[in-house]
N, C-alpha and C. Protein backbone atom coordinates (compact mmCIF):
# COMPACT_ATOMS: atom_id res chain seq x y z
N MET A 1 125.04 65.86 77.98
CA MET A 1 126.05 64.92 78.47
C MET A 1 126.42 63.94 77.35
N LYS A 2 127.68 63.74 77.12
CA LYS A 2 128.12 62.84 76.08
C LYS A 2 128.00 61.39 76.53
N THR A 3 127.51 60.55 75.64
CA THR A 3 127.45 59.13 75.93
C THR A 3 128.82 58.51 75.67
N LEU A 4 128.99 57.28 76.18
CA LEU A 4 130.26 56.59 75.98
C LEU A 4 130.52 56.39 74.49
N SER A 5 129.45 56.02 73.74
CA SER A 5 129.63 55.80 72.30
C SER A 5 130.08 57.06 71.60
N THR A 6 129.53 58.22 72.01
CA THR A 6 129.93 59.49 71.40
C THR A 6 131.40 59.76 71.64
N VAL A 7 131.85 59.51 72.86
CA VAL A 7 133.26 59.73 73.21
C VAL A 7 134.16 58.80 72.42
N LEU A 8 133.74 57.53 72.27
CA LEU A 8 134.54 56.58 71.53
C LEU A 8 134.66 56.97 70.07
N ILE A 9 133.54 57.39 69.47
CA ILE A 9 133.56 57.81 68.06
C ILE A 9 134.48 59.01 67.88
N ALA A 10 134.37 59.98 68.78
CA ALA A 10 135.21 61.18 68.68
C ALA A 10 136.67 60.82 68.81
N THR A 11 136.98 59.87 69.70
CA THR A 11 138.37 59.46 69.91
C THR A 11 138.92 58.77 68.67
N ILE A 12 138.12 57.83 68.12
CA ILE A 12 138.56 57.09 66.95
C ILE A 12 138.78 58.01 65.76
N CYS A 13 137.83 58.93 65.55
CA CYS A 13 137.90 59.78 64.36
C CYS A 13 138.99 60.84 64.46
N CYS A 14 139.57 60.97 65.60
CA CYS A 14 140.67 61.93 65.77
C CYS A 14 142.02 61.26 65.65
N LEU A 15 142.05 59.97 65.31
CA LEU A 15 143.33 59.31 65.14
C LEU A 15 144.09 59.98 64.01
N PRO A 16 145.37 60.34 64.22
CA PRO A 16 146.12 61.05 63.20
C PRO A 16 146.45 60.18 62.00
N VAL A 17 146.32 60.76 60.81
CA VAL A 17 146.70 60.04 59.60
C VAL A 17 148.19 59.71 59.63
N ALA A 18 148.96 60.55 60.30
CA ALA A 18 150.40 60.32 60.39
C ALA A 18 150.71 58.97 61.02
N ALA A 19 149.78 58.43 61.81
CA ALA A 19 150.01 57.14 62.46
C ALA A 19 149.82 55.98 61.49
N ILE A 20 149.20 56.24 60.34
CA ILE A 20 149.00 55.20 59.33
C ILE A 20 150.29 54.99 58.56
N GLU A 21 150.63 53.73 58.33
CA GLU A 21 151.82 53.39 57.55
C GLU A 21 151.40 53.11 56.11
N PRO A 22 151.58 54.07 55.20
CA PRO A 22 151.16 53.87 53.81
C PRO A 22 151.75 52.62 53.17
N GLN A 23 153.01 52.35 53.43
CA GLN A 23 153.64 51.18 52.80
C GLN A 23 152.99 49.89 53.25
N SER A 24 152.57 49.85 54.50
CA SER A 24 151.88 48.66 55.01
C SER A 24 150.57 48.43 54.25
N ILE A 25 149.84 49.51 53.97
CA ILE A 25 148.60 49.39 53.20
C ILE A 25 148.91 48.94 51.79
N LEU A 26 149.92 49.54 51.17
CA LEU A 26 150.29 49.17 49.80
C LEU A 26 150.71 47.71 49.71
N ASP A 27 151.39 47.23 50.72
CA ASP A 27 151.85 45.84 50.72
C ASP A 27 150.69 44.84 50.80
N GLN A 28 149.54 45.32 51.27
CA GLN A 28 148.39 44.44 51.45
C GLN A 28 147.32 44.61 50.36
N THR A 29 147.61 45.42 49.36
CA THR A 29 146.63 45.68 48.32
C THR A 29 147.21 45.38 46.94
N ASP A 30 146.30 45.14 46.00
CA ASP A 30 146.67 44.99 44.60
C ASP A 30 146.25 46.25 43.86
N ASN A 31 147.12 46.77 43.05
CA ASN A 31 146.82 47.88 42.14
C ASN A 31 146.80 49.27 42.79
N LEU A 32 146.67 49.37 44.09
CA LEU A 32 146.66 50.69 44.72
C LEU A 32 148.04 51.31 44.60
N ARG A 33 148.09 52.47 43.95
CA ARG A 33 149.37 53.11 43.65
C ARG A 33 149.77 54.09 44.74
N PRO A 34 151.06 54.20 45.03
CA PRO A 34 151.52 55.08 46.12
C PRO A 34 151.05 56.52 45.97
N GLU A 35 151.08 57.06 44.76
CA GLU A 35 150.72 58.46 44.56
C GLU A 35 149.22 58.68 44.80
N VAL A 36 148.43 57.69 44.48
CA VAL A 36 146.99 57.80 44.71
C VAL A 36 146.68 57.68 46.20
N LEU A 37 147.32 56.73 46.87
CA LEU A 37 147.12 56.60 48.32
C LEU A 37 147.56 57.86 49.05
N GLU A 38 148.66 58.45 48.64
CA GLU A 38 149.14 59.68 49.28
C GLU A 38 148.10 60.79 49.19
N LEU A 39 147.52 60.97 48.02
CA LEU A 39 146.49 62.00 47.86
C LEU A 39 145.23 61.66 48.65
N ALA A 40 144.87 60.40 48.66
CA ALA A 40 143.67 59.98 49.39
C ALA A 40 143.83 60.23 50.89
N LEU A 41 145.00 59.95 51.42
CA LEU A 41 145.24 60.19 52.85
C LEU A 41 145.23 61.68 53.16
N LYS A 42 145.73 62.48 52.23
CA LYS A 42 145.69 63.93 52.42
C LYS A 42 144.25 64.42 52.45
N ALA A 43 143.44 63.93 51.51
CA ALA A 43 142.03 64.33 51.46
C ALA A 43 141.30 63.87 52.72
N TYR A 44 141.58 62.67 53.16
CA TYR A 44 140.95 62.13 54.38
C TYR A 44 141.27 63.00 55.59
N GLU A 45 142.53 63.38 55.69
CA GLU A 45 142.96 64.21 56.83
C GLU A 45 142.24 65.56 56.81
N GLN A 46 142.09 66.13 55.62
CA GLN A 46 141.41 67.43 55.50
C GLN A 46 139.92 67.31 55.85
N ALA A 47 139.37 66.11 55.67
CA ALA A 47 137.92 65.92 55.85
C ALA A 47 137.55 65.22 57.15
N GLU A 48 138.50 65.02 58.03
CA GLU A 48 138.23 64.26 59.25
C GLU A 48 137.12 64.87 60.10
N ASP A 49 136.95 66.19 60.02
CA ASP A 49 135.93 66.83 60.86
C ASP A 49 134.52 66.52 60.39
N VAL A 50 134.36 66.00 59.17
CA VAL A 50 133.02 65.64 58.70
C VAL A 50 132.80 64.13 58.71
N ALA A 51 133.82 63.38 59.09
CA ALA A 51 133.72 61.91 59.11
C ALA A 51 133.27 61.43 60.47
N ASP A 52 132.34 60.48 60.47
CA ASP A 52 131.87 59.87 61.70
C ASP A 52 132.44 58.48 61.91
N ARG A 53 133.09 57.94 60.88
CA ARG A 53 133.62 56.58 60.99
C ARG A 53 135.04 56.56 60.44
N PRO A 54 135.95 55.82 61.07
CA PRO A 54 137.35 55.76 60.64
C PRO A 54 137.57 54.78 59.49
N VAL A 55 136.89 55.05 58.39
CA VAL A 55 136.97 54.19 57.21
C VAL A 55 137.16 55.08 55.99
N LEU A 56 138.07 54.70 55.11
CA LEU A 56 138.34 55.45 53.89
C LEU A 56 138.16 54.53 52.69
N THR A 57 137.29 54.93 51.77
CA THR A 57 137.12 54.21 50.51
C THR A 57 137.78 55.02 49.39
N ILE A 58 138.60 54.34 48.60
CA ILE A 58 139.31 54.97 47.49
C ILE A 58 138.87 54.31 46.19
N ILE A 59 138.56 55.12 45.19
CA ILE A 59 138.30 54.63 43.84
C ILE A 59 139.29 55.31 42.90
N ASP A 60 139.99 54.52 42.11
CA ASP A 60 140.96 55.05 41.16
C ASP A 60 140.46 54.80 39.74
N TYR A 61 139.82 55.82 39.16
CA TYR A 61 139.25 55.67 37.83
C TYR A 61 140.28 55.83 36.71
N GLU A 62 141.54 56.00 37.05
CA GLU A 62 142.55 55.96 36.00
C GLU A 62 142.85 54.52 35.60
N LEU A 63 142.58 53.60 36.51
CA LEU A 63 142.78 52.19 36.22
C LEU A 63 141.63 51.67 35.35
N SER A 64 141.87 50.58 34.66
CA SER A 64 140.86 49.98 33.79
C SER A 64 139.79 49.28 34.61
N SER A 65 138.60 49.14 34.03
CA SER A 65 137.48 48.55 34.76
C SER A 65 137.70 47.08 35.09
N TYR A 66 138.55 46.39 34.34
CA TYR A 66 138.79 44.98 34.62
C TYR A 66 139.81 44.78 35.75
N GLN A 67 140.37 45.88 36.27
CA GLN A 67 141.26 45.82 37.42
C GLN A 67 140.49 46.18 38.69
N LYS A 68 140.88 45.59 39.79
CA LYS A 68 140.30 46.02 41.06
C LYS A 68 140.78 47.44 41.33
N ARG A 69 139.83 48.35 41.49
CA ARG A 69 140.19 49.76 41.61
C ARG A 69 139.37 50.47 42.68
N LEU A 70 138.80 49.70 43.58
CA LEU A 70 138.13 50.24 44.77
C LEU A 70 138.70 49.55 46.00
N TRP A 71 139.08 50.34 46.99
CA TRP A 71 139.64 49.79 48.23
C TRP A 71 138.94 50.45 49.42
N VAL A 72 138.61 49.65 50.40
CA VAL A 72 138.06 50.15 51.66
C VAL A 72 139.10 49.89 52.74
N ILE A 73 139.53 50.97 53.39
CA ILE A 73 140.63 50.87 54.35
C ILE A 73 140.17 51.21 55.75
N ASP A 74 140.48 50.33 56.67
CA ASP A 74 140.24 50.57 58.10
C ASP A 74 141.32 51.55 58.57
N MET A 75 140.93 52.77 58.86
CA MET A 75 141.90 53.80 59.22
C MET A 75 142.32 53.73 60.69
N GLU A 76 141.64 52.93 61.46
CA GLU A 76 142.05 52.73 62.84
C GLU A 76 143.21 51.75 62.92
N ARG A 77 143.15 50.71 62.09
CA ARG A 77 144.18 49.68 62.13
C ARG A 77 145.10 49.70 60.91
N GLY A 78 144.72 50.46 59.90
CA GLY A 78 145.60 50.64 58.75
C GLY A 78 145.70 49.43 57.84
N PHE A 79 144.56 48.77 57.57
CA PHE A 79 144.63 47.68 56.60
C PHE A 79 143.35 47.64 55.78
N PRO A 80 143.45 47.05 54.56
CA PRO A 80 142.30 47.03 53.66
C PRO A 80 141.25 46.01 54.09
N LEU A 81 139.99 46.43 54.01
CA LEU A 81 138.86 45.55 54.32
C LEU A 81 138.25 44.96 53.06
N HIS A 82 138.32 45.71 51.96
CA HIS A 82 137.78 45.26 50.68
C HIS A 82 138.67 45.76 49.55
N GLN A 83 138.79 44.96 48.50
CA GLN A 83 139.40 45.36 47.24
C GLN A 83 138.47 44.84 46.15
N GLU A 84 137.95 45.73 45.32
CA GLU A 84 136.86 45.34 44.44
C GLU A 84 136.94 45.98 43.06
N TRP A 85 136.26 45.34 42.11
CA TRP A 85 135.99 45.97 40.83
C TRP A 85 134.85 46.96 41.03
N VAL A 86 134.85 48.02 40.26
CA VAL A 86 133.78 49.02 40.38
C VAL A 86 133.54 49.64 39.00
N SER A 87 132.28 49.89 38.70
CA SER A 87 131.92 50.45 37.39
C SER A 87 132.14 51.96 37.36
N HIS A 88 132.16 52.51 36.15
CA HIS A 88 132.12 53.96 35.95
C HIS A 88 130.92 54.28 35.05
N GLY A 89 130.60 55.57 34.95
CA GLY A 89 129.43 55.99 34.19
C GLY A 89 129.65 55.92 32.69
N MET A 90 128.60 55.49 31.98
CA MET A 90 128.70 55.39 30.52
C MET A 90 128.62 56.75 29.84
N GLY A 91 127.91 57.70 30.48
CA GLY A 91 127.72 59.01 29.89
C GLY A 91 126.55 59.06 28.94
N SER A 92 126.08 60.26 28.69
CA SER A 92 125.03 60.52 27.72
C SER A 92 125.43 61.73 26.88
N PRO A 93 125.60 61.56 25.57
CA PRO A 93 125.33 60.38 24.76
C PRO A 93 126.15 59.16 25.22
N ARG A 94 125.61 57.97 24.95
CA ARG A 94 126.23 56.73 25.38
C ARG A 94 127.68 56.66 24.94
N GLY A 95 128.56 56.39 25.90
CA GLY A 95 129.98 56.28 25.62
C GLY A 95 130.76 57.54 25.90
N SER A 96 130.06 58.66 26.15
CA SER A 96 130.78 59.91 26.39
C SER A 96 131.47 59.92 27.76
N GLY A 97 131.05 59.02 28.65
CA GLY A 97 131.72 58.92 29.95
C GLY A 97 132.91 57.99 29.95
N GLY A 98 132.97 57.15 28.92
CA GLY A 98 134.08 56.21 28.84
C GLY A 98 133.73 54.97 28.06
N THR A 99 134.75 54.21 27.71
CA THR A 99 134.56 52.92 27.05
C THR A 99 134.24 51.87 28.10
N MET A 100 134.06 50.64 27.68
CA MET A 100 133.84 49.55 28.63
C MET A 100 135.02 49.41 29.58
N GLU A 101 136.22 49.74 29.09
CA GLU A 101 137.42 49.52 29.88
C GLU A 101 137.89 50.77 30.63
N GLU A 102 137.64 51.95 30.08
CA GLU A 102 138.23 53.15 30.65
C GLU A 102 137.21 54.26 30.90
N ALA A 103 137.33 54.90 32.05
CA ALA A 103 136.59 56.14 32.31
C ALA A 103 137.35 57.27 31.63
N LEU A 104 136.62 58.13 30.93
CA LEU A 104 137.28 59.18 30.15
C LEU A 104 136.80 60.59 30.48
N SER A 105 135.59 60.71 31.02
CA SER A 105 135.04 62.03 31.27
C SER A 105 134.15 61.99 32.50
N PHE A 106 134.09 63.11 33.22
CA PHE A 106 133.38 63.17 34.50
C PHE A 106 132.51 64.42 34.53
N SER A 107 131.47 64.37 35.36
CA SER A 107 130.55 65.50 35.39
C SER A 107 129.83 65.57 36.74
N ASN A 108 129.35 66.76 37.02
CA ASN A 108 128.52 67.01 38.20
C ASN A 108 127.09 67.37 37.79
N GLU A 109 126.84 67.36 36.48
CA GLU A 109 125.56 67.84 35.97
C GLU A 109 124.53 66.73 35.84
N PRO A 110 123.29 67.00 36.26
CA PRO A 110 122.22 66.01 36.09
C PRO A 110 122.02 65.64 34.62
N GLY A 111 121.73 64.37 34.39
CA GLY A 111 121.45 63.90 33.04
C GLY A 111 122.65 63.48 32.24
N THR A 112 123.85 63.70 32.75
CA THR A 112 125.05 63.35 31.99
C THR A 112 125.39 61.87 32.08
N LEU A 113 124.90 61.20 33.12
CA LEU A 113 125.17 59.77 33.35
C LEU A 113 126.66 59.47 33.47
N LYS A 114 127.42 60.46 33.92
CA LYS A 114 128.86 60.30 34.10
C LYS A 114 129.21 60.20 35.59
N SER A 115 130.34 59.59 35.86
CA SER A 115 130.86 59.53 37.22
C SER A 115 131.33 60.91 37.66
N SER A 116 131.44 61.09 38.97
CA SER A 116 131.98 62.33 39.53
C SER A 116 133.24 62.03 40.32
N LEU A 117 134.14 63.00 40.33
CA LEU A 117 135.38 62.89 41.08
C LEU A 117 135.23 63.48 42.48
N GLY A 118 136.29 63.37 43.26
CA GLY A 118 136.36 64.11 44.50
C GLY A 118 135.92 63.38 45.75
N LEU A 119 135.71 64.16 46.78
CA LEU A 119 135.44 63.63 48.11
C LEU A 119 133.95 63.62 48.42
N PHE A 120 133.49 62.47 48.86
CA PHE A 120 132.10 62.26 49.27
C PHE A 120 132.07 61.80 50.72
N VAL A 121 130.94 61.99 51.37
CA VAL A 121 130.70 61.34 52.65
C VAL A 121 129.51 60.41 52.44
N THR A 122 129.64 59.19 52.95
CA THR A 122 128.56 58.23 52.78
C THR A 122 127.39 58.62 53.68
N ALA A 123 126.18 58.29 53.23
CA ALA A 123 124.98 58.68 53.96
C ALA A 123 124.14 57.45 54.28
N GLU A 124 122.81 57.58 54.10
CA GLU A 124 121.90 56.52 54.52
C GLU A 124 121.75 55.46 53.44
N THR A 125 121.27 54.29 53.87
CA THR A 125 120.98 53.20 52.94
C THR A 125 119.49 53.20 52.61
N TYR A 126 119.15 52.51 51.53
CA TYR A 126 117.75 52.36 51.13
C TYR A 126 117.66 51.20 50.15
N TYR A 127 116.45 50.77 49.86
CA TYR A 127 116.23 49.74 48.86
C TYR A 127 115.62 50.39 47.62
N GLY A 128 116.28 50.22 46.48
CA GLY A 128 115.81 50.82 45.24
C GLY A 128 115.81 49.81 44.11
N ARG A 129 115.91 50.28 42.88
CA ARG A 129 115.84 49.39 41.71
C ARG A 129 117.00 48.41 41.65
N HIS A 130 118.10 48.75 42.33
CA HIS A 130 119.26 47.86 42.39
C HIS A 130 119.38 47.18 43.75
N GLY A 131 118.28 47.16 44.51
CA GLY A 131 118.32 46.53 45.83
C GLY A 131 118.95 47.45 46.87
N TYR A 132 119.65 46.86 47.81
CA TYR A 132 120.25 47.59 48.92
C TYR A 132 121.31 48.55 48.37
N SER A 133 121.14 49.84 48.64
CA SER A 133 122.00 50.86 48.04
C SER A 133 122.40 51.90 49.08
N LEU A 134 123.42 52.67 48.75
CA LEU A 134 123.98 53.65 49.68
C LEU A 134 124.03 55.02 49.03
N LYS A 135 123.39 56.00 49.66
CA LYS A 135 123.42 57.37 49.14
C LYS A 135 124.75 58.03 49.49
N LEU A 136 125.16 58.93 48.61
CA LEU A 136 126.44 59.64 48.76
C LEU A 136 126.20 61.14 48.68
N ASP A 137 126.88 61.89 49.53
CA ASP A 137 126.82 63.35 49.49
C ASP A 137 128.18 63.89 49.07
N GLY A 138 128.21 64.57 47.93
CA GLY A 138 129.45 65.17 47.45
C GLY A 138 129.77 66.45 48.21
N LEU A 139 131.02 66.61 48.57
CA LEU A 139 131.43 67.75 49.38
C LEU A 139 132.23 68.80 48.61
N GLU A 140 132.37 68.61 47.29
CA GLU A 140 133.17 69.55 46.51
C GLU A 140 132.27 70.32 45.54
N ALA A 141 132.12 71.61 45.81
CA ALA A 141 131.23 72.45 45.00
C ALA A 141 131.65 72.44 43.53
N GLY A 142 130.68 72.20 42.66
CA GLY A 142 130.94 72.20 41.23
C GLY A 142 131.60 70.94 40.71
N ILE A 143 131.99 70.06 41.62
CA ILE A 143 132.66 68.82 41.23
C ILE A 143 131.76 67.61 41.46
N ASN A 144 131.14 67.55 42.64
CA ASN A 144 130.30 66.38 42.95
C ASN A 144 129.13 66.71 43.87
N ASP A 145 128.88 67.99 44.13
CA ASP A 145 127.85 68.34 45.12
C ASP A 145 126.43 68.14 44.63
N ASN A 146 126.26 67.71 43.39
CA ASN A 146 124.94 67.34 42.89
C ASN A 146 124.69 65.84 42.99
N ALA A 147 125.55 65.13 43.69
CA ALA A 147 125.47 63.66 43.72
C ALA A 147 124.11 63.17 44.21
N ARG A 148 123.59 63.76 45.27
CA ARG A 148 122.30 63.30 45.79
C ARG A 148 121.18 63.59 44.79
N GLU A 149 121.19 64.77 44.21
CA GLU A 149 120.18 65.12 43.21
C GLU A 149 120.27 64.19 42.00
N ARG A 150 121.49 63.81 41.62
CA ARG A 150 121.70 62.95 40.46
C ARG A 150 121.47 61.47 40.78
N LEU A 151 121.19 61.16 42.03
CA LEU A 151 121.00 59.78 42.47
C LEU A 151 122.25 58.95 42.24
N ILE A 152 123.40 59.56 42.51
CA ILE A 152 124.67 58.83 42.45
C ILE A 152 124.81 58.06 43.75
N VAL A 153 124.66 56.75 43.67
CA VAL A 153 124.67 55.89 44.86
C VAL A 153 125.58 54.69 44.60
N LEU A 154 125.99 54.06 45.67
CA LEU A 154 126.77 52.83 45.55
C LEU A 154 125.79 51.66 45.65
N HIS A 155 125.85 50.75 44.68
CA HIS A 155 124.91 49.62 44.67
C HIS A 155 125.56 48.42 43.98
N GLY A 156 124.92 47.28 44.12
CA GLY A 156 125.37 46.09 43.41
C GLY A 156 124.78 46.04 42.02
N ALA A 157 125.48 45.39 41.09
CA ALA A 157 124.97 45.25 39.72
C ALA A 157 125.54 43.99 39.09
N GLU A 158 124.68 43.27 38.37
CA GLU A 158 125.09 42.02 37.74
C GLU A 158 126.17 42.23 36.68
N TYR A 159 126.29 43.44 36.17
CA TYR A 159 127.29 43.68 35.13
C TYR A 159 128.70 43.90 35.69
N VAL A 160 128.85 43.76 37.01
CA VAL A 160 130.17 43.79 37.64
C VAL A 160 130.41 42.41 38.26
N SER A 161 131.41 41.70 37.76
CA SER A 161 131.68 40.35 38.27
C SER A 161 133.10 39.95 37.94
N HIS A 162 133.56 38.88 38.58
CA HIS A 162 134.89 38.35 38.31
C HIS A 162 134.99 37.89 36.85
N ASP A 163 133.98 37.17 36.39
CA ASP A 163 134.02 36.66 35.02
C ASP A 163 134.03 37.80 34.01
N ARG A 164 133.21 38.83 34.24
CA ARG A 164 133.19 39.97 33.32
C ARG A 164 134.54 40.69 33.33
N ALA A 165 135.15 40.78 34.52
CA ALA A 165 136.47 41.42 34.59
C ALA A 165 137.50 40.62 33.80
N GLU A 166 137.45 39.29 33.90
CA GLU A 166 138.38 38.46 33.14
C GLU A 166 138.21 38.64 31.64
N ASP A 167 136.95 38.84 31.21
CA ASP A 167 136.67 39.04 29.79
C ASP A 167 136.75 40.50 29.37
N ARG A 168 137.10 41.37 30.31
CA ARG A 168 137.19 42.81 30.07
C ARG A 168 135.85 43.37 29.60
N LEU A 169 134.78 42.92 30.25
CA LEU A 169 133.43 43.32 29.88
C LEU A 169 132.63 43.84 31.07
N VAL A 170 133.31 44.43 32.05
CA VAL A 170 132.58 45.04 33.16
C VAL A 170 131.69 46.15 32.60
N GLY A 171 130.42 46.11 32.97
CA GLY A 171 129.47 47.07 32.42
C GLY A 171 129.63 48.47 32.98
N ARG A 172 128.99 49.41 32.32
CA ARG A 172 128.99 50.80 32.77
C ARG A 172 127.65 51.15 33.41
N SER A 173 127.71 52.09 34.34
CA SER A 173 126.51 52.50 35.07
C SER A 173 126.00 53.83 34.52
N TRP A 174 125.01 54.39 35.20
CA TRP A 174 124.51 55.73 34.87
C TRP A 174 125.21 56.78 35.75
N GLY A 175 126.44 56.49 36.13
CA GLY A 175 127.23 57.41 36.94
C GLY A 175 127.53 56.89 38.32
N CYS A 176 126.88 55.80 38.71
CA CYS A 176 127.06 55.25 40.05
C CYS A 176 128.27 54.32 40.13
N PRO A 177 128.94 54.28 41.28
CA PRO A 177 129.96 53.25 41.50
C PRO A 177 129.27 51.94 41.88
N ALA A 178 129.12 51.04 40.92
CA ALA A 178 128.46 49.76 41.16
C ALA A 178 129.50 48.67 41.38
N VAL A 179 129.17 47.75 42.28
CA VAL A 179 130.08 46.66 42.63
C VAL A 179 129.38 45.32 42.45
N ARG A 180 130.10 44.23 42.70
CA ARG A 180 129.51 42.90 42.57
C ARG A 180 128.34 42.74 43.55
N PRO A 181 127.22 42.18 43.11
CA PRO A 181 126.06 42.02 44.00
C PRO A 181 126.36 41.20 45.25
N GLU A 182 127.20 40.18 45.11
CA GLU A 182 127.46 39.30 46.24
C GLU A 182 128.26 39.96 47.36
N ILE A 183 128.92 41.07 47.05
CA ILE A 183 129.70 41.77 48.07
C ILE A 183 129.07 43.10 48.46
N SER A 184 128.05 43.53 47.74
CA SER A 184 127.54 44.89 47.90
C SER A 184 127.01 45.18 49.30
N LYS A 185 126.22 44.27 49.88
CA LYS A 185 125.65 44.56 51.20
C LYS A 185 126.73 44.66 52.27
N GLU A 186 127.66 43.72 52.26
CA GLU A 186 128.74 43.75 53.24
C GLU A 186 129.57 45.02 53.09
N LEU A 187 129.88 45.39 51.85
CA LEU A 187 130.67 46.59 51.61
C LEU A 187 129.90 47.84 52.06
N ILE A 188 128.64 47.92 51.69
CA ILE A 188 127.83 49.08 52.06
C ILE A 188 127.73 49.22 53.57
N ASP A 189 127.51 48.12 54.26
CA ASP A 189 127.40 48.18 55.72
C ASP A 189 128.72 48.58 56.38
N THR A 190 129.82 48.31 55.71
CA THR A 190 131.13 48.69 56.23
C THR A 190 131.36 50.20 56.14
N ILE A 191 130.82 50.84 55.10
CA ILE A 191 131.17 52.25 54.86
C ILE A 191 130.02 53.22 55.07
N LYS A 192 128.81 52.75 55.32
CA LYS A 192 127.64 53.63 55.42
C LYS A 192 127.72 54.59 56.61
N ASP A 193 126.85 55.60 56.60
CA ASP A 193 126.63 56.48 57.76
C ASP A 193 127.85 57.30 58.16
N GLY A 194 128.46 57.97 57.20
CA GLY A 194 129.43 58.99 57.58
C GLY A 194 130.89 58.65 57.43
N SER A 195 131.26 57.77 56.51
CA SER A 195 132.68 57.56 56.22
C SER A 195 133.05 58.32 54.94
N ILE A 196 134.33 58.42 54.68
CA ILE A 196 134.82 59.17 53.53
C ILE A 196 135.03 58.24 52.33
N LEU A 197 134.53 58.70 51.17
CA LEU A 197 134.77 58.02 49.90
C LEU A 197 135.42 59.04 48.97
N TRP A 198 136.56 58.67 48.41
CA TRP A 198 137.33 59.60 47.58
C TRP A 198 137.58 58.98 46.22
N VAL A 199 137.24 59.73 45.18
CA VAL A 199 137.32 59.23 43.80
C VAL A 199 138.41 60.00 43.05
N TYR A 200 139.34 59.26 42.47
CA TYR A 200 140.51 59.85 41.80
C TYR A 200 140.50 59.64 40.29
N TYR A 201 140.98 60.66 39.60
CA TYR A 201 141.37 60.60 38.19
C TYR A 201 142.32 61.78 37.99
N PRO A 202 143.34 61.65 37.15
CA PRO A 202 144.32 62.75 36.99
C PRO A 202 143.78 63.93 36.19
N HIS A 203 142.76 64.56 36.74
CA HIS A 203 142.16 65.75 36.12
C HIS A 203 142.87 66.98 36.71
N ASP A 204 143.66 67.66 35.89
CA ASP A 204 144.54 68.70 36.39
C ASP A 204 143.81 69.81 37.14
N ASN A 205 142.71 70.29 36.60
CA ASN A 205 142.00 71.40 37.26
C ASN A 205 141.48 70.99 38.63
N TRP A 206 140.88 69.82 38.70
CA TRP A 206 140.36 69.35 39.99
C TRP A 206 141.50 69.16 41.00
N LEU A 207 142.58 68.54 40.58
CA LEU A 207 143.70 68.30 41.49
C LEU A 207 144.28 69.62 42.01
N ALA A 208 144.30 70.64 41.16
CA ALA A 208 144.86 71.93 41.55
C ALA A 208 143.92 72.72 42.46
N GLU A 209 142.61 72.51 42.28
CA GLU A 209 141.65 73.39 42.96
C GLU A 209 140.91 72.75 44.14
N SER A 210 141.01 71.44 44.31
CA SER A 210 140.28 70.78 45.37
C SER A 210 140.69 71.29 46.75
N GLU A 211 139.72 71.70 47.53
CA GLU A 211 140.01 72.20 48.87
C GLU A 211 140.54 71.10 49.79
N PHE A 212 140.26 69.86 49.43
CA PHE A 212 140.70 68.73 50.25
C PHE A 212 142.10 68.27 49.90
N LEU A 213 142.69 68.89 48.90
CA LEU A 213 144.07 68.59 48.54
C LEU A 213 144.96 69.81 48.69
N ASP A 214 144.39 70.85 49.29
CA ASP A 214 145.10 72.12 49.49
C ASP A 214 146.16 71.94 50.55
N GLU A 215 147.37 72.43 50.27
CA GLU A 215 148.47 72.31 51.22
C GLU A 215 148.32 73.28 52.39
N ASP A 216 147.58 74.38 52.18
CA ASP A 216 147.49 75.42 53.21
C ASP A 216 146.53 75.02 54.31
C-alpha cells in the first residue's frame, strides 16, 4: 500500500518540464546561459524516472571559477534556490585539470583528480575530512560512473569564498565540486537523497553521445 508521502513524491516528480518557464529562471539568475539551461532541462526530463526530488543542480564549467557557476533550481516552482561559486579539479599532474580560473580537462578515471561531466544523482550524506559532505552517483557510463569509487563528493572548502572569487583565486579540488563552507550544509540538505545534478562543458563527444541529451 502506498503511503501519502510516496504518492506526493511521485506526483511532484512527474511534473512536466514543459511547465517550467526557462526565461523566468534566467531572469532570476546571474550567469546562467540560455543554451546551458536548455540542455540541463532536457537532461533532467530524460532522467526524471531516477529522480526522487524535484530539484535540479546545474554546474557550468565553461565559466570561470570566479563567476557563480552553480545553480540549484526548484523544479516544482521554477525558481533558483542557490547561486554559488564552485571549484573544479586541479588534475594530476597538478594543473592538468585546469588553471585557477578555468577548467580545461575532465576524466572518469581514478587518480586523475579531475572533474567529471554529465548527469549525477545525489546520494547520502556523511562526515569526512571536509566535514558534512554529499556523495554523488554518476549515471553516464565512461563519463562519470566512477564518481563514487573516486570519492567525487560535494563539500565545503575554505578555498572557495567571496573574497577569493573577487581576487580570482578560487582554489581547485581533487575533482570534487566544492562550495563555500558557510553555505555547504544548507545547499547539501537542499539537494541530497535523489535529486539531479548536471555538469556542463562544451565537450563535443560527450554532448553528441550522452543518452540524457538524446533527441530520440
